[in-house]
Amino acid sequence: MGNTASLLHKALEGAAAAGAEAEYIDLYPLNYKGCISCFYCKRKDKKHGTCIVKDDLSPILERVKEADAVIFGSPIYFMNLTAGMQAFLERLFFSLYIYSREIPSVLGKKIPSAFLYTMNATEEQAEQFHLRESLAAYEAAGATALGVEPYRFYDYNTLQFHDYSQYESSIFSEQDKRDYRASHQLETTQKAYELGQKLIQDAQQV
């Protein structure tokens, strides 16, 4: 199980412990694309918030809108979300946003959310390349579409390989990475667990 999936499962454990029915959805096996800018979701003669594109993502979008809380988890590639996560967020957030000053979102309820990021970069490297600024637009769109400011969770300096000897990775110190994980893993997984609990607590209050 990868770094992002492991932490998401830990967060779901926390959510389940708080009384929620939790579900993990992996986007990688799905066949879908991003928003095609057809504006069907904003037509006055149609039900607002409906994405007309039909593919593997269509039922997932409906399940997210029915949820009481959601965590968006993504590894960071080149200081940004994966292409698959970007496409998913385009389809979800853009369809809920209808260019109305009076109605910023057509969701009809508030959904507490969190963005969980894992990355090979260190915290210092992430700051050097302005990672948080790169992600801010997606988080702001989430706050508008879902009606609640999202939580943000960062896991830095992850291990990319189980066996570094099988891959070209001379720019990294495997030992430094393993030492970092050994000293941070317990705290990181506990925070992910608590994040899941916190989201359910928030969901019960909105």
C-alpha atoms as a PDB file:
ATOM      1  CA  MET A   1       0.000   0.000   0.000  1.00  0.00           C
ATOM      2  CA  GLY A   2       1.365   3.432  -0.943  1.00  0.00           C
ATOM      3  CA  ASN A   3       1.993   6.389   1.328  1.00  0.00           C
ATOM      4  CA  THR A   4      -1.233   8.217   0.478  1.00  0.00           C
ATOM      5  CA  ALA A   5      -3.412   5.114   0.681  1.00  0.00           C
ATOM      6  CA  SER A   6      -1.917   4.118   4.044  1.00  0.00           C
ATOM      7  CA  LEU A   7      -2.714   7.467   5.623  1.00  0.00           C
ATOM      8  CA  LEU A   8      -6.177   7.582   4.081  1.00  0.00           C
ATOM      9  CA  HIS A   9      -6.957   4.166   5.552  1.00  0.00           C
ATOM     10  CA  LYS A  10      -5.721   5.365   8.934  1.00  0.00           C
ATOM     11  CA  ALA A  11      -7.988   8.424   8.681  1.00  0.00           C
ATOM     12  CA  LEU A  12     -10.895   6.153   7.768  1.00  0.00           C
ATOM     13  CA  GLU A  13     -10.161   4.090  10.870  1.00  0.00           C
ATOM     14  CA  GLY A  14     -10.540   7.260  12.913  1.00  0.00           C
ATOM     15  CA  ALA A  15     -13.779   8.112  11.137  1.00  0.00           C
ATOM     16  CA  ALA A  16     -15.149   4.617  11.747  1.00  0.00           C
ATOM     17  CA  ALA A  17     -14.187   4.839  15.419  1.00  0.00           C
ATOM     18  CA  ALA A  18     -16.219   8.053  15.573  1.00  0.00           C
ATOM     19  CA  GLY A  19     -19.271   6.172  14.319  1.00  0.00           C
ATOM     20  CA  ALA A  20     -19.064   6.771  10.563  1.00  0.00           C
ATOM     21  CA  GLU A  21     -19.521   4.360   7.699  1.00  0.00           C
ATOM     22  CA  ALA A  22     -16.255   4.997   5.858  1.00  0.00           C
ATOM     23  CA  GLU A  23     -15.370   4.175   2.246  1.00  0.00           C
ATOM     24  CA  TYR A  24     -12.039   4.271   0.415  1.00  0.00           C
ATOM     25  CA  ILE A  25     -12.180   5.099  -3.311  1.00  0.00           C
ATOM     26  CA  ASP A  26      -9.102   4.598  -5.491  1.00  0.00           C
ATOM     27  CA  LEU A  27      -9.149   6.787  -8.609  1.00  0.00           C
ATOM     28  CA  TYR A  28      -6.264   5.050 -10.363  1.00  0.00           C
ATOM     29  CA  PRO A  29      -8.266   2.119 -11.835  1.00  0.00           C
ATOM     30  CA  LEU A  30     -11.006   4.417 -13.153  1.00  0.00           C
ATOM     31  CA  ASN A  31     -11.287   5.558 -16.765  1.00  0.00           C
ATOM     32  CA  TYR A  32     -12.300   9.227 -16.828  1.00  0.00           C
ATOM     33  CA  LYS A  33     -11.302  12.685 -17.938  1.00  0.00           C
ATOM     34  CA  GLY A  34     -11.444  16.203 -16.580  1.00  0.00           C
ATOM     35  CA  CYS A  35     -13.945  18.970 -17.209  1.00  0.00           C
ATOM     36  CA  ILE A  36     -14.606  19.636 -20.919  1.00  0.00           C
ATOM     37  CA  SER A  37     -15.988  23.135 -20.293  1.00  0.00           C
ATOM     38  CA  CYS A  38     -19.373  22.416 -21.857  1.00  0.00           C
ATOM     39  CA  PHE A  39     -21.190  24.426 -19.119  1.00  0.00           C
ATOM     40  CA  TYR A  40     -24.091  21.959 -19.004  1.00  0.00           C
ATOM     41  CA  CYS A  41     -23.918  22.143 -15.203  1.00  0.00           C
ATOM     42  CA  LYS A  42     -24.727  25.866 -15.361  1.00  0.00           C
ATOM     43  CA  ARG A  43     -27.627  25.846 -17.846  1.00  0.00           C
ATOM     44  CA  LYS A  44     -30.799  27.427 -16.469  1.00  0.00           C
ATOM     45  CA  ASP A  45     -33.022  24.776 -18.077  1.00  0.00           C
ATOM     46  CA  LYS A  46     -31.136  21.877 -16.452  1.00  0.00           C
ATOM     47  CA  LYS A  47     -30.599  20.680 -12.921  1.00  0.00           C
ATOM     48  CA  HIS A  48     -27.685  22.652 -11.596  1.00  0.00           C
ATOM     49  CA  GLY A  49     -24.710  20.688 -10.373  1.00  0.00           C
ATOM     50  CA  THR A  50     -25.091  17.850 -12.876  1.00  0.00           C
ATOM     51  CA  CYS A  51     -21.998  16.915 -14.878  1.00  0.00           C
ATOM     52  CA  ILE A  52     -23.086  15.699 -18.314  1.00  0.00           C
ATOM     53  CA  VAL A  53     -19.908  13.689 -18.939  1.00  0.00           C
ATOM     54  CA  LYS A  54     -20.595   9.982 -18.426  1.00  0.00           C
ATOM     55  CA  ASP A  55     -17.662   7.782 -17.490  1.00  0.00           C
ATOM     56  CA  ASP A  56     -16.277   5.854 -14.513  1.00  0.00           C
ATOM     57  CA  LEU A  57     -16.187   9.038 -12.443  1.00  0.00           C
ATOM     58  CA  SER A  58     -19.914   9.790 -12.759  1.00  0.00           C
ATOM     59  CA  PRO A  59     -21.136   7.541  -9.896  1.00  0.00           C
ATOM     60  CA  ILE A  60     -18.223   8.662  -7.722  1.00  0.00           C
ATOM     61  CA  LEU A  61     -19.262  12.300  -8.041  1.00  0.00           C
ATOM     62  CA  GLU A  62     -22.754  11.420  -6.836  1.00  0.00           C
ATOM     63  CA  ARG A  63     -21.417   9.438  -3.883  1.00  0.00           C
ATOM     64  CA  VAL A  64     -19.223  12.336  -2.821  1.00  0.00           C
ATOM     65  CA  LYS A  65     -22.175  14.738  -2.941  1.00  0.00           C
ATOM     66  CA  GLU A  66     -24.175  12.348  -0.755  1.00  0.00           C
ATOM     67  CA  ALA A  67     -21.362  12.050   1.825  1.00  0.00           C
ATOM     68  CA  ASP A  68     -21.278  13.829   5.171  1.00  0.00           C
ATOM     69  CA  ALA A  69     -17.497  14.343   5.049  1.00  0.00           C
ATOM     70  CA  VAL A  70     -14.726  13.672   2.546  1.00  0.00           C
ATOM     71  CA  ILE A  71     -10.923  13.487   2.400  1.00  0.00           C
ATOM     72  CA  PHE A  72      -9.136  14.178  -0.880  1.00  0.00           C
ATOM     73  CA  GLY A  73      -5.820  12.337  -0.828  1.00  0.00           C
ATOM     74  CA  SER A  74      -3.074  12.806  -3.392  1.00  0.00           C
ATOM     75  CA  PRO A  75       0.652  12.268  -3.738  1.00  0.00           C
ATOM     76  CA  ILE A  76       2.448  15.376  -4.908  1.00  0.00           C
ATOM     77  CA  TYR A  77       4.072  15.301  -8.347  1.00  0.00           C
ATOM     78  CA  PHE A  78       6.220  18.290  -9.347  1.00  0.00           C
ATOM     79  CA  MET A  79       4.777  20.310  -6.449  1.00  0.00           C
ATOM     80  CA  ASN A  80       1.180  19.761  -7.498  1.00  0.00           C
ATOM     81  CA  LEU A  81      -1.699  17.296  -7.332  1.00  0.00           C
ATOM     82  CA  THR A  82      -1.689  14.275  -9.590  1.00  0.00           C
ATOM     83  CA  ALA A  83      -3.368  14.745 -12.970  1.00  0.00           C
ATOM     84  CA  GLY A  84      -6.060  12.272 -11.939  1.00  0.00           C
ATOM     85  CA  MET A  85      -6.922  14.215  -8.786  1.00  0.00           C
ATOM     86  CA  GLN A  86      -6.970  17.500 -10.692  1.00  0.00           C
ATOM     87  CA  ALA A  87      -9.413  16.038 -13.219  1.00  0.00           C
ATOM     88  CA  PHE A  88     -11.611  14.701 -10.428  1.00  0.00           C
ATOM     89  CA  LEU A  89     -11.694  18.047  -8.602  1.00  0.00           C
ATOM     90  CA  GLU A  90     -12.456  19.893 -11.830  1.00  0.00           C
ATOM     91  CA  ARG A  91     -15.504  17.727 -12.410  1.00  0.00           C
ATOM     92  CA  LEU A  92     -16.698  17.916  -8.794  1.00  0.00           C
ATOM     93  CA  PHE A  93     -16.074  21.539  -7.873  1.00  0.00           C
ATOM     94  CA  PHE A  94     -16.844  23.181 -11.217  1.00  0.00           C
ATOM     95  CA  SER A  95     -20.219  21.466 -11.514  1.00  0.00           C
ATOM     96  CA  LEU A  96     -21.219  22.748  -8.072  1.00  0.00           C
ATOM     97  CA  TYR A  97     -20.157  26.338  -8.837  1.00  0.00           C
ATOM     98  CA  ILE A  98     -22.655  28.169 -11.082  1.00  0.00           C
ATOM     99  CA  TYR A  99     -21.374  31.754 -11.526  1.00  0.00           C
ATOM    100  CA  SER A 100     -23.903  33.175  -9.074  1.00  0.00           C
ATOM    101  CA  ARG A 101     -23.047  35.760  -6.428  1.00  0.00           C
ATOM    102  CA  GLU A 102     -26.092  34.728  -4.412  1.00  0.00           C
ATOM    103  CA  ILE A 103     -25.570  30.962  -4.728  1.00  0.00           C
ATOM    104  CA  PRO A 104     -21.842  30.138  -4.747  1.00  0.00           C
ATOM    105  CA  SER A 105     -22.591  26.400  -4.555  1.00  0.00           C
ATOM    106  CA  VAL A 106     -25.616  24.327  -5.567  1.00  0.00           C
ATOM    107  CA  LEU A 107     -24.685  21.419  -3.299  1.00  0.00           C
ATOM    108  CA  GLY A 108     -27.440  22.336  -0.853  1.00  0.00           C
ATOM    109  CA  LYS A 109     -25.497  21.390   2.262  1.00  0.00           C
ATOM    110  CA  LYS A 110     -22.095  21.701   3.885  1.00  0.00           C
ATOM    111  CA  ILE A 111     -19.542  18.895   3.713  1.00  0.00           C
ATOM    112  CA  PRO A 112     -16.486  19.108   5.984  1.00  0.00           C
ATOM    113  CA  SER A 113     -13.394  18.084   4.041  1.00  0.00           C
ATOM    114  CA  ALA A 114      -9.653  17.685   4.170  1.00  0.00           C
ATOM    115  CA  PHE A 115      -6.825  17.604   1.648  1.00  0.00           C
ATOM    116  CA  LEU A 116      -4.208  14.999   2.522  1.00  0.00           C
ATOM    117  CA  TYR A 117      -0.891  15.263   0.679  1.00  0.00           C
ATOM    118  CA  THR A 118       2.111  12.932   0.676  1.00  0.00           C
ATOM    119  CA  MET A 119       5.395  13.761  -1.017  1.00  0.00           C
ATOM    120  CA  ASN A 120       8.989  12.740  -1.481  1.00  0.00           C
ATOM    121  CA  ALA A 121      10.039  16.376  -0.926  1.00  0.00           C
ATOM    122  CA  THR A 122      11.155  17.571   2.480  1.00  0.00           C
ATOM    123  CA  GLU A 123       9.248  20.337   4.237  1.00  0.00           C
ATOM    124  CA  GLU A 124      12.087  22.732   3.395  1.00  0.00           C
ATOM    125  CA  GLN A 125      11.913  21.849  -0.303  1.00  0.00           C
ATOM    126  CA  ALA A 126       8.141  22.265  -0.294  1.00  0.00           C
ATOM    127  CA  GLU A 127       8.532  25.748   1.149  1.00  0.00           C
ATOM    128  CA  GLN A 128      11.289  26.594  -1.352  1.00  0.00           C
ATOM    129  CA  PHE A 129       9.012  25.747  -4.277  1.00  0.00           C
ATOM    130  CA  HIS A 130       5.906  27.341  -2.734  1.00  0.00           C
ATOM    131  CA  LEU A 131       3.910  24.127  -2.546  1.00  0.00           C
ATOM    132  CA  ARG A 132       1.143  25.533  -0.384  1.00  0.00           C
ATOM    133  CA  GLU A 133       0.571  28.382  -2.822  1.00  0.00           C
ATOM    134  CA  SER A 134       0.360  25.872  -5.708  1.00  0.00           C
ATOM    135  CA  LEU A 135      -2.430  23.994  -3.942  1.00  0.00           C
ATOM    136  CA  ALA A 136      -4.344  26.997  -2.647  1.00  0.00           C
ATOM    137  CA  ALA A 137      -6.662  27.339  -5.672  1.00  0.00           C
ATOM    138  CA  TYR A 138      -7.992  23.785  -5.286  1.00  0.00           C
ATOM    139  CA  GLU A 139      -8.496  24.261  -1.565  1.00  0.00           C
ATOM    140  CA  ALA A 140     -10.313  27.554  -2.117  1.00  0.00           C
ATOM    141  CA  ALA A 141     -12.558  25.909  -4.718  1.00  0.00           C
ATOM    142  CA  GLY A 142     -13.294  23.163  -2.216  1.00  0.00           C
ATOM    143  CA  ALA A 143     -14.233  25.677   0.455  1.00  0.00           C
ATOM    144  CA  THR A 144     -16.651  27.360  -1.961  1.00  0.00           C
ATOM    145  CA  ALA A 145     -18.202  24.191  -3.372  1.00  0.00           C
ATOM    146  CA  LEU A 146     -18.521  22.327  -0.082  1.00  0.00           C
ATOM    147  CA  GLY A 147     -19.258  25.330   2.113  1.00  0.00           C
ATOM    148  CA  VAL A 148     -16.559  24.675   4.724  1.00  0.00           C
ATOM    149  CA  GLU A 149     -12.871  25.609   4.876  1.00  0.00           C
ATOM    150  CA  PRO A 150     -10.934  22.337   4.431  1.00  0.00           C
ATOM    151  CA  TYR A 151      -8.311  20.880   6.719  1.00  0.00           C
ATOM    152  CA  ARG A 152      -4.815  20.435   5.270  1.00  0.00           C
ATOM    153  CA  PHE A 153      -2.544  17.497   6.049  1.00  0.00           C
ATOM    154  CA  TYR A 154       1.054  17.258   4.793  1.00  0.00           C
ATOM    155  CA  ASP A 155       3.324  14.221   4.971  1.00  0.00           C
ATOM    156  CA  TYR A 156       6.854  15.072   3.850  1.00  0.00           C
ATOM    157  CA  ASN A 157       9.956  13.086   2.926  1.00  0.00           C
ATOM    158  CA  THR A 158       8.186   9.816   2.194  1.00  0.00           C
ATOM    159  CA  LEU A 159       9.824   6.582   1.140  1.00  0.00           C
ATOM    160  CA  GLN A 160       9.230   5.945  -2.548  1.00  0.00           C
ATOM    161  CA  PHE A 161      10.574   2.395  -2.780  1.00  0.00           C
ATOM    162  CA  HIS A 162      10.654  -0.667  -0.560  1.00  0.00           C
ATOM    163  CA  ASP A 163      14.036  -1.574  -2.035  1.00  0.00           C
ATOM    164  CA  TYR A 164      16.064   1.438  -3.171  1.00  0.00           C
ATOM    165  CA  SER A 165      18.748  -0.801  -4.715  1.00  0.00           C
ATOM    166  CA  GLN A 166      16.380  -1.657  -7.575  1.00  0.00           C
ATOM    167  CA  TYR A 167      15.909   1.953  -8.705  1.00  0.00           C
ATOM    168  CA  GLU A 168      18.082   4.834  -9.790  1.00  0.00           C
ATOM    169  CA  SER A 169      17.811   7.153  -6.806  1.00  0.00           C
ATOM    170  CA  SER A 170      21.306   8.429  -6.114  1.00  0.00           C
ATOM    171  CA  ILE A 171      20.102  11.967  -5.352  1.00  0.00           C
ATOM    172  CA  PHE A 172      18.522  10.627  -2.134  1.00  0.00           C
ATOM    173  CA  SER A 173      20.023   9.250   1.024  1.00  0.00           C
ATOM    174  CA  GLU A 174      18.019   6.119   1.743  1.00  0.00           C
ATOM    175  CA  GLN A 175      19.285   6.016   5.311  1.00  0.00           C
ATOM    176  CA  ASP A 176      18.307   9.633   5.979  1.00  0.00           C
ATOM    177  CA  LYS A 177      14.838   8.921   4.643  1.00  0.00           C
ATOM    178  CA  ARG A 178      14.421   5.785   6.729  1.00  0.00           C
ATOM    179  CA  ASP A 179      15.633   7.630   9.821  1.00  0.00           C
ATOM    180  CA  TYR A 180      13.122  10.421   9.154  1.00  0.00           C
ATOM    181  CA  ARG A 181      10.265   7.956   8.731  1.00  0.00           C
ATOM    182  CA  ALA A 182      11.261   6.088  11.875  1.00  0.00           C
ATOM    183  CA  SER A 183      11.090   9.291  13.916  1.00  0.00           C
ATOM    184  CA  HIS A 184       7.882  10.681  12.348  1.00  0.00           C
ATOM    185  CA  GLN A 185       5.744   7.712  11.299  1.00  0.00           C
ATOM    186  CA  LEU A 186       3.936   7.150  14.578  1.00  0.00           C
ATOM    187  CA  GLU A 187       3.030  10.820  14.971  1.00  0.00           C
ATOM    188  CA  THR A 188       1.938  11.088  11.329  1.00  0.00           C
ATOM    189  CA  THR A 189      -0.367   8.075  11.455  1.00  0.00           C
ATOM    190  CA  GLN A 190      -1.866   9.249  14.742  1.00  0.00           C
ATOM    191  CA  LYS A 191      -2.611  12.660  13.240  1.00  0.00           C
ATOM    192  CA  ALA A 192      -4.267  11.002  10.240  1.00  0.00           C
ATOM    193  CA  TYR A 193      -6.428   8.935  12.591  1.00  0.00           C
ATOM    194  CA  GLU A 194      -7.392  12.079  14.516  1.00  0.00           C
ATOM    195  CA  LEU A 195      -8.180  13.869  11.246  1.00  0.00           C
ATOM    196  CA  GLY A 196     -10.769  11.213  10.421  1.00  0.00           C
ATOM    197  CA  GLN A 197     -12.327  11.612  13.853  1.00  0.00           C
ATOM    198  CA  LYS A 198     -12.362  15.395  13.618  1.00  0.00           C
ATOM    199  CA  LEU A 199     -14.145  15.377  10.250  1.00  0.00           C
ATOM    200  CA  ILE A 200     -16.934  13.209  11.643  1.00  0.00           C
ATOM    201  CA  GLN A 201     -17.276  15.459  14.679  1.00  0.00           C
ATOM    202  CA  ASP A 202     -17.541  18.453  12.353  1.00  0.00           C
ATOM    203  CA  ALA A 203     -20.082  16.650  10.161  1.00  0.00           C
ATOM    204  CA  GLN A 204     -22.292  16.083  13.181  1.00  0.00           C
ATOM    205  CA  GLN A 205     -22.316  19.815  13.874  1.00  0.00           C
ATOM    206  CA  VAL A 206     -22.994  21.318  10.412  1.00  0.00           C
END
